[in-house]
PDB file of N, CA and C in Angstrom:
ATOM      1  N   UNK A   1      19.093  11.170  57.677  1.00  0.00           N
ATOM      2  CA  UNK A   1      18.256   9.562  57.985  1.00  0.00           C
ATOM      3  C   UNK A   1      18.545   8.861  57.247  1.00  0.00           C
ATOM      4  N   UNK A   2      19.161   7.400  57.960  1.00  0.00           N
ATOM      5  CA  UNK A   2      19.650   5.893  57.326  1.00  0.00           C
ATOM      6  C   UNK A   2      18.179   5.273  56.933  1.00  0.00           C
ATOM      7  N   UNK A   3      16.963   5.509  56.966  1.00  0.00           N
ATOM      8  CA  UNK A   3      16.410   4.972  56.481  1.00  0.00           C
ATOM      9  C   UNK A   3      16.172   5.211  54.823  1.00  0.00           C
ATOM     10  N   UNK A   4      16.277   6.644  55.309  1.00  0.00           N
ATOM     11  CA  UNK A   4      16.416   6.775  53.752  1.00  0.00           C
ATOM     12  C   UNK A   4      17.712   6.624  52.925  1.00  0.00           C
ATOM     13  N   UNK A   5      19.204   6.549  53.392  1.00  0.00           N
ATOM     14  CA  UNK A   5      19.963   5.985  53.106  1.00  0.00           C
ATOM     15  C   UNK A   5      20.015   4.154  52.194  1.00  0.00           C
ATOM     16  N   UNK A   6      18.689   3.588  53.069  1.00  0.00           N
ATOM     17  CA  UNK A   6      18.412   1.702  53.703  1.00  0.00           C
ATOM     18  C   UNK A   6      18.078   2.276  52.027  1.00  0.00           C
ATOM     19  N   UNK A   7      16.807   2.731  51.691  1.00  0.00           N
ATOM     20  CA  UNK A   7      15.618   2.496  51.086  1.00  0.00           C
ATOM     21  C   UNK A   7      17.067   2.998  49.378  1.00  0.00           C
ATOM     22  N   UNK A   8      17.520   3.815  49.396  1.00  0.00           N
ATOM     23  CA  UNK A   8      17.962   4.238  48.045  1.00  0.00           C
ATOM     24  C   UNK A   8      18.938   3.369  47.434  1.00  0.00           C
ATOM     25  N   UNK A   9      19.841   2.510  48.653  1.00  0.00           N
ATOM     26  CA  UNK A   9      21.130   1.495  48.192  1.00  0.00           C
ATOM     27  C   UNK A   9      19.843   0.170  47.923  1.00  0.00           C
ATOM     28  N   UNK A  10      19.458  -0.038  49.277  1.00  0.00           N
ATOM     29  CA  UNK A  10      19.032  -1.637  48.697  1.00  0.00           C
ATOM     30  C   UNK A  10      17.722  -1.727  48.029  1.00  0.00           C
ATOM     31  N   UNK A  11      16.789  -0.714  47.300  1.00  0.00           N
ATOM     32  CA  UNK A  11      15.526   0.004  46.498  1.00  0.00           C
ATOM     33  C   UNK A  11      15.539   0.056  46.193  1.00  0.00           C
ATOM     34  N   UNK A  12      16.364   0.838  44.602  1.00  0.00           N
ATOM     35  CA  UNK A  12      17.227   2.283  44.489  1.00  0.00           C
ATOM     36  C   UNK A  12      15.696   2.513  43.618  1.00  0.00           C
ATOM     37  N   UNK A  13      15.041   1.410  43.350  1.00  0.00           N
ATOM     38  CA  UNK A  13      13.805   1.673  42.182  1.00  0.00           C
ATOM     39  C   UNK A  13      13.061   1.006  42.982  1.00  0.00           C
ATOM     40  N   UNK A  14      12.670   1.562  43.460  1.00  0.00           N
ATOM     41  CA  UNK A  14      11.114   1.755  44.419  1.00  0.00           C
ATOM     42  C   UNK A  14      11.864   2.907  45.425  1.00  0.00           C
ATOM     43  N   UNK A  15      12.501   3.292  45.132  1.00  0.00           N
ATOM     44  CA  UNK A  15      12.487   4.363  46.762  1.00  0.00           C
ATOM     45  C   UNK A  15      11.383   6.054  46.716  1.00  0.00           C
ATOM     46  N   UNK A  16      10.876   5.964  45.487  1.00  0.00           N
ATOM     47  CA  UNK A  16       9.929   6.879  45.617  1.00  0.00           C
ATOM     48  C   UNK A  16       8.586   7.153  45.830  1.00  0.00           C
ATOM     49  N   UNK A  17       8.237   5.662  45.679  1.00  0.00           N
ATOM     50  CA  UNK A  17       6.953   5.041  45.843  1.00  0.00           C
ATOM     51  C   UNK A  17       7.106   4.818  47.846  1.00  0.00           C
ATOM     52  N   UNK A  18       8.290   4.079  48.073  1.00  0.00           N
ATOM     53  CA  UNK A  18       8.592   4.291  50.102  1.00  0.00           C
ATOM     54  C   UNK A  18       8.466   5.363  50.500  1.00  0.00           C
ATOM     55  N   UNK A  19       9.026   6.791  49.694  1.00  0.00           N
ATOM     56  CA  UNK A  19       9.512   7.810  50.419  1.00  0.00           C
ATOM     57  C   UNK A  19       8.723   8.656  50.195  1.00  0.00           C
ATOM     58  N   UNK A  20       7.478   8.830  50.635  1.00  0.00           N
ATOM     59  CA  UNK A  20       6.521   9.435  50.036  1.00  0.00           C
ATOM     60  C   UNK A  20       7.178  10.670  51.295  1.00  0.00           C
ATOM     61  N   UNK A  21       5.416  12.213  51.195  1.00  0.00           N
ATOM     62  CA  UNK A  21       5.687  12.283  51.799  1.00  0.00           C
ATOM     63  C   UNK A  21       5.297  11.734  53.427  1.00  0.00           C
ATOM     64  N   UNK A  22       4.089  11.259  53.567  1.00  0.00           N
ATOM     65  CA  UNK A  22       3.736  10.380  54.562  1.00  0.00           C
ATOM     66  C   UNK A  22       4.418   9.831  55.045  1.00  0.00           C
ATOM     67  N   UNK A  23       4.881   9.328  54.821  1.00  0.00           N
ATOM     68  CA  UNK A  23       6.772   8.026  55.596  1.00  0.00           C
ATOM     69  C   UNK A  23       7.485   9.111  55.723  1.00  0.00           C
ATOM     70  N   UNK A  24       8.075  10.223  55.270  1.00  0.00           N
ATOM     71  CA  UNK A  24       9.034  11.197  55.964  1.00  0.00           C
ATOM     72  C   UNK A  24       8.269  11.791  56.980  1.00  0.00           C
ATOM     73  N   UNK A  25       6.671  12.488  56.697  1.00  0.00           N
ATOM     74  CA  UNK A  25       6.288  12.679  58.381  1.00  0.00           C
ATOM     75  C   UNK A  25       5.960  11.724  59.600  1.00  0.00           C
ATOM     76  N   UNK A  26       6.229  10.831  58.926  1.00  0.00           N
ATOM     77  CA  UNK A  26       6.143   9.114  60.146  1.00  0.00           C
ATOM     78  C   UNK A  26       7.212   9.288  61.178  1.00  0.00           C
ATOM     79  N   UNK A  27       7.981   9.400  59.229  1.00  0.00           N
ATOM     80  CA  UNK A  27       9.617   8.953  60.190  1.00  0.00           C
ATOM     81  C   UNK A  27      10.236  10.449  61.197  1.00  0.00           C
ATOM     82  N   UNK A  28       9.847  11.431  61.148  1.00  0.00           N
ATOM     83  CA  UNK A  28      10.232  12.353  61.354  1.00  0.00           C
ATOM     84  C   UNK A  28       9.438  12.803  62.592  1.00  0.00           C
ATOM     85  N   UNK A  29       8.465  12.575  62.548  1.00  0.00           N
ATOM     86  CA  UNK A  29       7.614  12.132  64.011  1.00  0.00           C
ATOM     87  C   UNK A  29       7.951  11.484  65.295  1.00  0.00           C
ATOM     88  N   UNK A  30       8.603  10.135  64.815  1.00  0.00           N
ATOM     89  CA  UNK A  30       9.212   9.256  65.015  1.00  0.00           C
ATOM     90  C   UNK A  30      10.743   9.277  65.700  1.00  0.00           C
ATOM     91  N   UNK A  31      10.662  10.500  65.272  1.00  0.00           N
ATOM     92  CA  UNK A  31      12.598  10.544  66.483  1.00  0.00           C
ATOM     93  C   UNK A  31      12.280  11.910  66.761  1.00  0.00           C
ATOM     94  N   UNK A  32      11.757  12.627  66.779  1.00  0.00           N
ATOM     95  CA  UNK A  32      11.281  13.946  67.307  1.00  0.00           C
ATOM     96  C   UNK A  32      10.152  13.336  68.728  1.00  0.00           C
ATOM     97  N   UNK A  33      10.560  12.115  68.812  1.00  0.00           N
ATOM     98  CA  UNK A  33       9.447  12.185  70.125  1.00  0.00           C
ATOM     99  C   UNK A  33      10.652  12.433  71.684  1.00  0.00           C
ATOM    100  N   UNK A  34       9.945  12.746  72.011  1.00  0.00           N
ATOM    101  CA  UNK A  34      10.521  13.795  73.546  1.00  0.00           C
ATOM    102  C   UNK A  34      10.748  12.284  74.673  1.00  0.00           C
ATOM    103  N   UNK A  35       9.703  10.934  74.665  1.00  0.00           N
ATOM    104  CA  UNK A  35      10.309  10.413  75.505  1.00  0.00           C
ATOM    105  C   UNK A  35      10.952   9.480  74.934  1.00  0.00           C
ATOM    106  N   UNK A  36      12.089   8.931  75.487  1.00  0.00           N
ATOM    107  CA  UNK A  36      12.862   8.250  74.745  1.00  0.00           C
ATOM    108  C   UNK A  36      13.563   6.602  75.698  1.00  0.00           C
ATOM    109  N   UNK A  37      12.671   6.584  76.272  1.00  0.00           N
ATOM    110  CA  UNK A  37      13.116   5.735  77.819  1.00  0.00           C
ATOM    111  C   UNK A  37      13.309   4.327  77.673  1.00  0.00           C
ATOM    112  N   UNK A  38      12.373   4.009  76.281  1.00  0.00           N
ATOM    113  CA  UNK A  38      12.130   2.793  75.519  1.00  0.00           C
ATOM    114  C   UNK A  38      12.952   2.155  75.055  1.00  0.00           C
ATOM    115  N   UNK A  39      13.400   3.446  74.335  1.00  0.00           N
ATOM    116  CA  UNK A  39      14.780   2.825  73.548  1.00  0.00           C
ATOM    117  C   UNK A  39      16.290   2.972  74.169  1.00  0.00           C
ATOM    118  N   UNK A  40      16.119   3.519  75.622  1.00  0.00           N
ATOM    119  CA  UNK A  40      17.341   3.715  75.733  1.00  0.00           C
ATOM    120  C   UNK A  40      17.470   2.042  76.531  1.00  0.00           C
ATOM    121  N   UNK A  41      16.184   1.496  77.004  1.00  0.00           N
ATOM    122  CA  UNK A  41      15.773   0.129  77.436  1.00  0.00           C
ATOM    123  C   UNK A  41      16.266  -0.687  76.963  1.00  0.00           C
ATOM    124  N   UNK A  42      15.698  -0.593  74.959  1.00  0.00           N
ATOM    125  CA  UNK A  42      15.914  -1.488  74.178  1.00  0.00           C
ATOM    126  C   UNK A  42      17.808  -0.989  73.798  1.00  0.00           C
ATOM    127  N   UNK A  43      17.878  -0.031  73.898  1.00  0.00           N
ATOM    128  CA  UNK A  43      19.588   0.168  73.925  1.00  0.00           C
ATOM    129  C   UNK A  43      19.788  -0.781  74.220  1.00  0.00           C
ATOM    130  N   UNK A  44      19.790  -0.514  76.355  1.00  0.00           N
ATOM    131  CA  UNK A  44      20.370  -1.838  77.017  1.00  0.00           C
ATOM    132  C   UNK A  44      20.739  -3.230  76.679  1.00  0.00           C
ATOM    133  N   UNK A  45      19.305  -3.711  76.597  1.00  0.00           N
ATOM    134  CA  UNK A  45      19.042  -4.923  76.668  1.00  0.00           C
ATOM    135  C   UNK A  45      20.091  -5.694  74.917  1.00  0.00           C
ATOM    136  N   UNK A  46      19.370  -4.709  74.322  1.00  0.00           N
ATOM    137  CA  UNK A  46      20.733  -5.364  72.754  1.00  0.00           C
ATOM    138  C   UNK A  46      22.405  -5.714  73.157  1.00  0.00           C
ATOM    139  N   UNK A  47      21.909  -4.261  73.965  1.00  0.00           N
ATOM    140  CA  UNK A  47      24.098  -4.356  73.750  1.00  0.00           C
ATOM    141  C   UNK A  47      24.442  -5.343  75.435  1.00  0.00           C
ATOM    142  N   UNK A  48      23.199  -5.405  76.821  1.00  0.00           N
ATOM    143  CA  UNK A  48      23.414  -6.925  77.122  1.00  0.00           C
ATOM    144  C   UNK A  48      23.402  -8.402  77.238  1.00  0.00           C
ATOM    145  N   UNK A  49      23.031  -8.952  75.251  1.00  0.00           N
ATOM    146  CA  UNK A  49      22.481  -9.341  75.409  1.00  0.00           C
ATOM    147  C   UNK A  49      23.690 -10.381  74.388  1.00  0.00           C
ATOM    148  N   UNK A  50      24.006  -8.952  73.816  1.00  0.00           N
ATOM    149  CA  UNK A  50      24.486  -9.368  72.690  1.00  0.00           C
ATOM    150  C   UNK A  50      26.115  -9.433  73.589  1.00  0.00           C
ATOM    151  N   UNK A  51      26.790  -8.578  74.286  1.00  0.00           N
ATOM    152  CA  UNK A  51      27.851  -8.951  75.119  1.00  0.00           C
ATOM    153  C   UNK A  51      27.663  -9.987  75.389  1.00  0.00           C
ATOM    154  N   UNK A  52      26.881 -10.838  76.238  1.00  0.00           N
ATOM    155  CA  UNK A  52      26.817 -12.407  76.865  1.00  0.00           C
ATOM    156  C   UNK A  52      26.680 -13.483  76.218  1.00  0.00           C
ATOM    157  N   UNK A  53      26.127 -12.782  74.516  1.00  0.00           N
ATOM    158  CA  UNK A  53      26.403 -14.097  72.848  1.00  0.00           C
ATOM    159  C   UNK A  53      28.085 -14.368  72.958  1.00  0.00           C
ATOM    160  N   UNK A  54      28.675 -13.727  72.585  1.00  0.00           N
ATOM    161  CA  UNK A  54      30.137 -12.941  72.682  1.00  0.00           C
ATOM    162  C   UNK A  54      31.104 -13.899  73.845  1.00  0.00           C
ATOM    163  N   UNK A  55      30.652 -13.693  75.290  1.00  0.00           N
ATOM    164  CA  UNK A  55      30.961 -13.667  76.426  1.00  0.00           C
ATOM    165  C   UNK A  55      30.537 -15.406  76.502  1.00  0.00           C
ATOM    166  N   UNK A  56      29.660 -15.842  76.527  1.00  0.00           N
ATOM    167  CA  UNK A  56      29.349 -17.373  76.201  1.00  0.00           C
ATOM    168  C   UNK A  56      29.790 -18.124  75.149  1.00  0.00           C
ATOM    169  N   UNK A  57      30.227 -17.348  74.249  1.00  0.00           N
ATOM    170  CA  UNK A  57      30.937 -18.016  73.478  1.00  0.00           C
ATOM    171  C   UNK A  57      32.343 -18.226  73.359  1.00  0.00           C
ATOM    172  N   UNK A  58      32.599 -16.868  72.997  1.00  0.00           N
ATOM    173  CA  UNK A  58      34.754 -17.489  74.446  1.00  0.00           C
ATOM    174  C   UNK A  58      34.077 -17.903  75.123  1.00  0.00           C
ATOM    175  N   UNK A  59      34.373 -18.238  75.782  1.00  0.00           N
ATOM    176  CA  UNK A  59      34.609 -18.736  78.095  1.00  0.00           C
ATOM    177  C   UNK A  59      34.105 -19.941  76.946  1.00  0.00           C
ATOM    178  N   UNK A  60      32.840 -20.008  76.202  1.00  0.00           N
ATOM    179  CA  UNK A  60      32.766 -21.950  75.424  1.00  0.00           C
ATOM    180  C   UNK A  60      33.926 -22.856  74.710  1.00  0.00           C
ATOM    181  N   UNK A  61      34.561 -21.542  73.890  1.00  0.00           N
ATOM    182  CA  UNK A  61      35.814 -21.635  73.439  1.00  0.00           C
ATOM    183  C   UNK A  61      36.908 -22.390  73.811  1.00  0.00           C
ATOM    184  N   UNK A  62      37.440 -21.110  75.289  1.00  0.00           N
ATOM    185  CA  UNK A  62      38.285 -21.258  75.651  1.00  0.00           C
ATOM    186  C   UNK A  62      39.139 -22.791  76.338  1.00  0.00           C
ATOM    187  N   UNK A  63      37.269 -22.694  77.353  1.00  0.00           N
ATOM    188  CA  UNK A  63      37.054 -24.303  78.010  1.00  0.00           C
ATOM    189  C   UNK A  63      37.830 -25.261  77.214  1.00  0.00           C
ATOM    190  N   UNK A  64      37.108 -25.446  76.113  1.00  0.00           N
ATOM    191  CA  UNK A  64      37.920 -26.871  75.044  1.00  0.00           C
ATOM    192  C   UNK A  64      39.112 -26.098  74.594  1.00  0.00           C
ATOM    193  N   UNK A  65      39.483 -25.184  74.964  1.00  0.00           N
ATOM    194  CA  UNK A  65      40.585 -25.644  73.662  1.00  0.00           C
ATOM    195  C   UNK A  65      41.328 -25.761  75.049  1.00  0.00           C
ATOM    196  N   UNK A  66      41.070 -25.106  75.865  1.00  0.00           N
ATOM    197  CA  UNK A  66      42.339 -24.998  77.468  1.00  0.00           C
ATOM    198  C   UNK A  66      42.196 -27.211  78.041  1.00  0.00           C
ATOM    199  N   UNK A  67      41.339 -27.710  77.776  1.00  0.00           N
ATOM    200  CA  UNK A  67      40.871 -29.436  77.229  1.00  0.00           C
ATOM    201  C   UNK A  67      41.952 -30.104  76.810  1.00  0.00           C
ATOM    202  N   UNK A  68      41.166 -29.419  75.683  1.00  0.00           N
ATOM    203  CA  UNK A  68      43.312 -29.850  74.809  1.00  0.00           C
ATOM    204  C   UNK A  68      44.322 -29.557  74.506  1.00  0.00           C
ATOM    205  N   UNK A  69      44.653 -28.486  75.592  1.00  0.00           N
ATOM    206  CA  UNK A  69      45.991 -28.446  75.836  1.00  0.00           C
ATOM    207  C   UNK A  69      46.883 -29.382  76.817  1.00  0.00           C
ATOM    208  N   UNK A  70      45.699 -29.120  77.572  1.00  0.00           N
ATOM    209  CA  UNK A  70      45.466 -29.889  79.394  1.00  0.00           C
ATOM    210  C   UNK A  70      46.220 -31.255  78.864  1.00  0.00           C
ATOM    211  N   UNK A  71      45.093 -32.034  77.740  1.00  0.00           N
ATOM    212  CA  UNK A  71      45.093 -33.556  77.114  1.00  0.00           C
ATOM    213  C   UNK A  71      47.039 -33.543  76.873  1.00  0.00           C
ATOM    214  N   UNK A  72      47.322 -32.772  76.342  1.00  0.00           N
ATOM    215  CA  UNK A  72      48.360 -33.075  75.325  1.00  0.00           C
ATOM    216  C   UNK A  72      49.647 -34.136  75.424  1.00  0.00           C
ATOM    217  N   UNK A  73      50.280 -34.066  75.859  1.00  0.00           N
ATOM    218  CA  UNK A  73      51.796 -35.017  76.121  1.00  0.00           C
ATOM    219  C   UNK A  73      53.503 -34.154  76.426  1.00  0.00           C
ATOM    220  N   UNK A  74      52.752 -33.368  75.228  1.00  0.00           N
ATOM    221  CA  UNK A  74      54.175 -32.891  75.031  1.00  0.00           C
ATOM    222  C   UNK A  74      53.776 -31.580  75.156  1.00  0.00           C
ATOM    223  N   UNK A  75      54.910 -31.199  76.667  1.00  0.00           N
ATOM    224  CA  UNK A  75      54.999 -29.808  77.863  1.00  0.00           C
ATOM    225  C   UNK A  75      54.869 -28.790  76.751  1.00  0.00           C
ATOM    226  N   UNK A  76      56.339 -28.712  75.930  1.00  0.00           N
ATOM    227  CA  UNK A  76      56.116 -27.910  75.462  1.00  0.00           C
ATOM    228  C   UNK A  76      55.059 -27.865  74.464  1.00  0.00           C
ATOM    229  N   UNK A  77      54.317 -27.589  73.668  1.00  0.00           N
ATOM    230  CA  UNK A  77      53.446 -27.367  73.293  1.00  0.00           C
ATOM    231  C   UNK A  77      52.241 -27.248  74.130  1.00  0.00           C
ATOM    232  N   UNK A  78      52.289 -27.674  75.021  1.00  0.00           N
ATOM    233  CA  UNK A  78      50.631 -27.336  76.212  1.00  0.00           C
ATOM    234  C   UNK A  78      50.876 -25.860  76.653  1.00  0.00           C
ATOM    235  N   UNK A  79      52.801 -25.961  76.744  1.00  0.00           N
ATOM    236  CA  UNK A  79      53.327 -24.283  77.178  1.00  0.00           C
ATOM    237  C   UNK A  79      52.727 -23.731  76.635  1.00  0.00           C
ATOM    238  N   UNK A  80      53.329 -23.199  75.311  1.00  0.00           N
ATOM    239  CA  UNK A  80      52.765 -22.485  73.889  1.00  0.00           C
ATOM    240  C   UNK A  80      51.312 -22.064  74.251  1.00  0.00           C
ATOM    241  N   UNK A  81      50.522 -23.588  74.260  1.00  0.00           N
ATOM    242  CA  UNK A  81      49.296 -23.102  73.399  1.00  0.00           C
ATOM    243  C   UNK A  81      48.524 -22.400  74.534  1.00  0.00           C
ATOM    244  N   UNK A  82      48.847 -22.846  76.609  1.00  0.00           N
ATOM    245  CA  UNK A  82      48.407 -22.556  77.171  1.00  0.00           C
ATOM    246  C   UNK A  82      49.116 -20.968  77.207  1.00  0.00           C
ATOM    247  N   UNK A  83      50.104 -20.781  76.935  1.00  0.00           N
ATOM    248  CA  UNK A  83      50.531 -18.921  77.018  1.00  0.00           C
ATOM    249  C   UNK A  83      49.773 -17.910  75.751  1.00  0.00           C
ATOM    250  N   UNK A  84      49.757 -19.011  74.654  1.00  0.00           N
ATOM    251  CA  UNK A  84      48.967 -17.447  73.930  1.00  0.00           C
ATOM    252  C   UNK A  84      47.238 -17.429  74.598  1.00  0.00           C
ATOM    253  N   UNK A  85      46.562 -19.392  75.233  1.00  0.00           N
ATOM    254  CA  UNK A  85      45.083 -19.001  75.635  1.00  0.00           C
ATOM    255  C   UNK A  85      45.517 -17.534  76.240  1.00  0.00           C
ATOM    256  N   UNK A  86      46.400 -17.959  77.531  1.00  0.00           N
ATOM    257  CA  UNK A  86      46.365 -16.964  78.698  1.00  0.00           C
ATOM    258  C   UNK A  86      46.464 -15.330  77.971  1.00  0.00           C
ATOM    259  N   UNK A  87      46.938 -15.330  78.112  1.00  0.00           N
ATOM    260  CA  UNK A  87      47.374 -14.265  76.491  1.00  0.00           C
ATOM    261  C   UNK A  87      46.107 -13.259  76.359  1.00  0.00           C
ATOM    262  N   UNK A  88      45.458 -14.308  76.051  1.00  0.00           N
ATOM    263  CA  UNK A  88      44.291 -13.657  74.959  1.00  0.00           C
ATOM    264  C   UNK A  88      43.377 -13.255  75.126  1.00  0.00           C
ATOM    265  N   UNK A  89      42.791 -14.413  76.300  1.00  0.00           N
ATOM    266  CA  UNK A  89      41.908 -14.437  77.793  1.00  0.00           C
ATOM    267  C   UNK A  89      42.341 -12.383  78.869  1.00  0.00           C
ATOM    268  N   UNK A  90      43.836 -12.316  78.059  1.00  0.00           N
ATOM    269  CA  UNK A  90      44.203 -11.125  78.971  1.00  0.00           C
ATOM    270  C   UNK A  90      43.653  -9.963  78.752  1.00  0.00           C
ATOM    271  N   UNK A  91      43.714 -10.088  77.707  1.00  0.00           N
ATOM    272  CA  UNK A  91      43.607  -8.864  76.200  1.00  0.00           C
ATOM    273  C   UNK A  91      41.981  -8.983  76.144  1.00  0.00           C
ATOM    274  N   UNK A  92      41.261 -10.416  76.248  1.00  0.00           N
ATOM    275  CA  UNK A  92      39.195  -9.999  75.708  1.00  0.00           C
ATOM    276  C   UNK A  92      39.495  -9.505  77.117  1.00  0.00           C
ATOM    277  N   UNK A  93      40.079  -9.946  78.500  1.00  0.00           N
ATOM    278  CA  UNK A  93      39.009  -9.573  79.930  1.00  0.00           C
ATOM    279  C   UNK A  93      39.908  -7.705  80.118  1.00  0.00           C
ATOM    280  N   UNK A  94      40.360  -7.108  79.142  1.00  0.00           N
ATOM    281  CA  UNK A  94      41.753  -6.133  78.953  1.00  0.00           C
ATOM    282  C   UNK A  94      39.998  -5.042  78.445  1.00  0.00           C
ATOM    283  N   UNK A  95      39.542  -5.618  77.247  1.00  0.00           N
ATOM    284  CA  UNK A  95      38.865  -5.272  76.572  1.00  0.00           C
ATOM    285  C   UNK A  95      37.393  -5.325  76.832  1.00  0.00           C
ATOM    286  N   UNK A  96      36.861  -6.640  77.849  1.00  0.00           N
ATOM    287  CA  UNK A  96      36.142  -6.327  78.064  1.00  0.00           C
ATOM    288  C   UNK A  96      35.835  -5.337  79.817  1.00  0.00           C
ATOM    289  N   UNK A  97      36.789  -5.659  80.879  1.00  0.00           N
ATOM    290  CA  UNK A  97      36.601  -3.748  81.742  1.00  0.00           C
ATOM    291  C   UNK A  97      36.214  -2.958  81.336  1.00  0.00           C
ATOM    292  N   UNK A  98      37.399  -2.213  79.858  1.00  0.00           N
ATOM    293  CA  UNK A  98      37.100  -1.245  79.696  1.00  0.00           C
ATOM    294  C   UNK A  98      36.010  -0.562  78.920  1.00  0.00           C
ATOM    295  N   UNK A  99      35.454  -2.114  78.498  1.00  0.00           N
ATOM    296  CA  UNK A  99      33.725  -1.414  77.785  1.00  0.00           C
ATOM    297  C   UNK A  99      32.509  -2.020  78.949  1.00  0.00           C
ATOM    298  N   UNK A 100      32.674  -2.247  79.749  1.00  0.00           N
ATOM    299  CA  UNK A 100      31.720  -1.357  80.846  1.00  0.00           C
ATOM    300  C   UNK A 100      32.521  -0.760  81.926  1.00  0.00           C
ATOM    301  N   UNK A 101      33.256  -0.119  81.534  1.00  0.00           N
ATOM    302  CA  UNK A 101      33.634   1.570  82.975  1.00  0.00           C
ATOM    303  C   UNK A 101      33.246   2.257  81.309  1.00  0.00           C
ATOM    304  N   UNK A 102      33.250   1.620  80.862  1.00  0.00           N
ATOM    305  CA  UNK A 102      32.358   3.365  79.792  1.00  0.00           C
ATOM    306  C   UNK A 102      31.544   3.735  79.389  1.00  0.00           C
ATOM    307  N   UNK A 103      30.664   2.529  79.640  1.00  0.00           N
ATOM    308  CA  UNK A 103      29.237   1.580  79.958  1.00  0.00           C
ATOM    309  C   UNK A 103      28.426   3.081  80.701  1.00  0.00           C
ATOM    310  N   UNK A 104      29.234   2.541  82.180  1.00  0.00           N
ATOM    311  CA  UNK A 104      29.521   3.130  83.345  1.00  0.00           C
ATOM    312  C   UNK A 104      29.303   5.025  83.328  1.00  0.00           C
ATOM    313  N   UNK A 105      29.843   4.675  82.867  1.00  0.00           N
ATOM    314  CA  UNK A 105      30.692   6.373  81.911  1.00  0.00           C
ATOM    315  C   UNK A 105      29.314   7.184  82.180  1.00  0.00           C
ATOM    316  N   UNK A 106      29.152   6.581  80.938  1.00  0.00           N
ATOM    317  CA  UNK A 106      27.756   6.994  79.437  1.00  0.00           C
ATOM    318  C   UNK A 106      26.231   6.437  80.646  1.00  0.00           C
ATOM    319  N   UNK A 107      25.882   6.306  81.306  1.00  0.00           N
ATOM    320  CA  UNK A 107      25.076   6.067  82.473  1.00  0.00           C
ATOM    321  C   UNK A 107      24.894   7.480  83.155  1.00  0.00           C
ATOM    322  N   UNK A 108      26.197   7.137  83.883  1.00  0.00           N
ATOM    323  CA  UNK A 108      26.398   8.584  85.017  1.00  0.00           C
ATOM    324  C   UNK A 108      26.027   9.866  84.033  1.00  0.00           C
TER     325      UNK A 108
END
């Protein structure tokens, strides 16, 4: 049980006060629930939100990086920066597509 380990590590002095028989029974009752639809919806929402925030921050960062690269007067430096940015972006897109396809397979 993750909660049990969390309490043991983060609150070792009050472990026995928190992990009473009634607490353990409540945790077991909640984990053995038959309808887990809300858990699936919550997990999907959190996963989508996390990926959305990551995607936004990466696109935001790369936009500014590309703007700075294109404003650079030195063509050699511009070429190197664009090469690096394009490579990183392609690796990121590959990872994103692999993750999304894995999630699609998990849903089916």
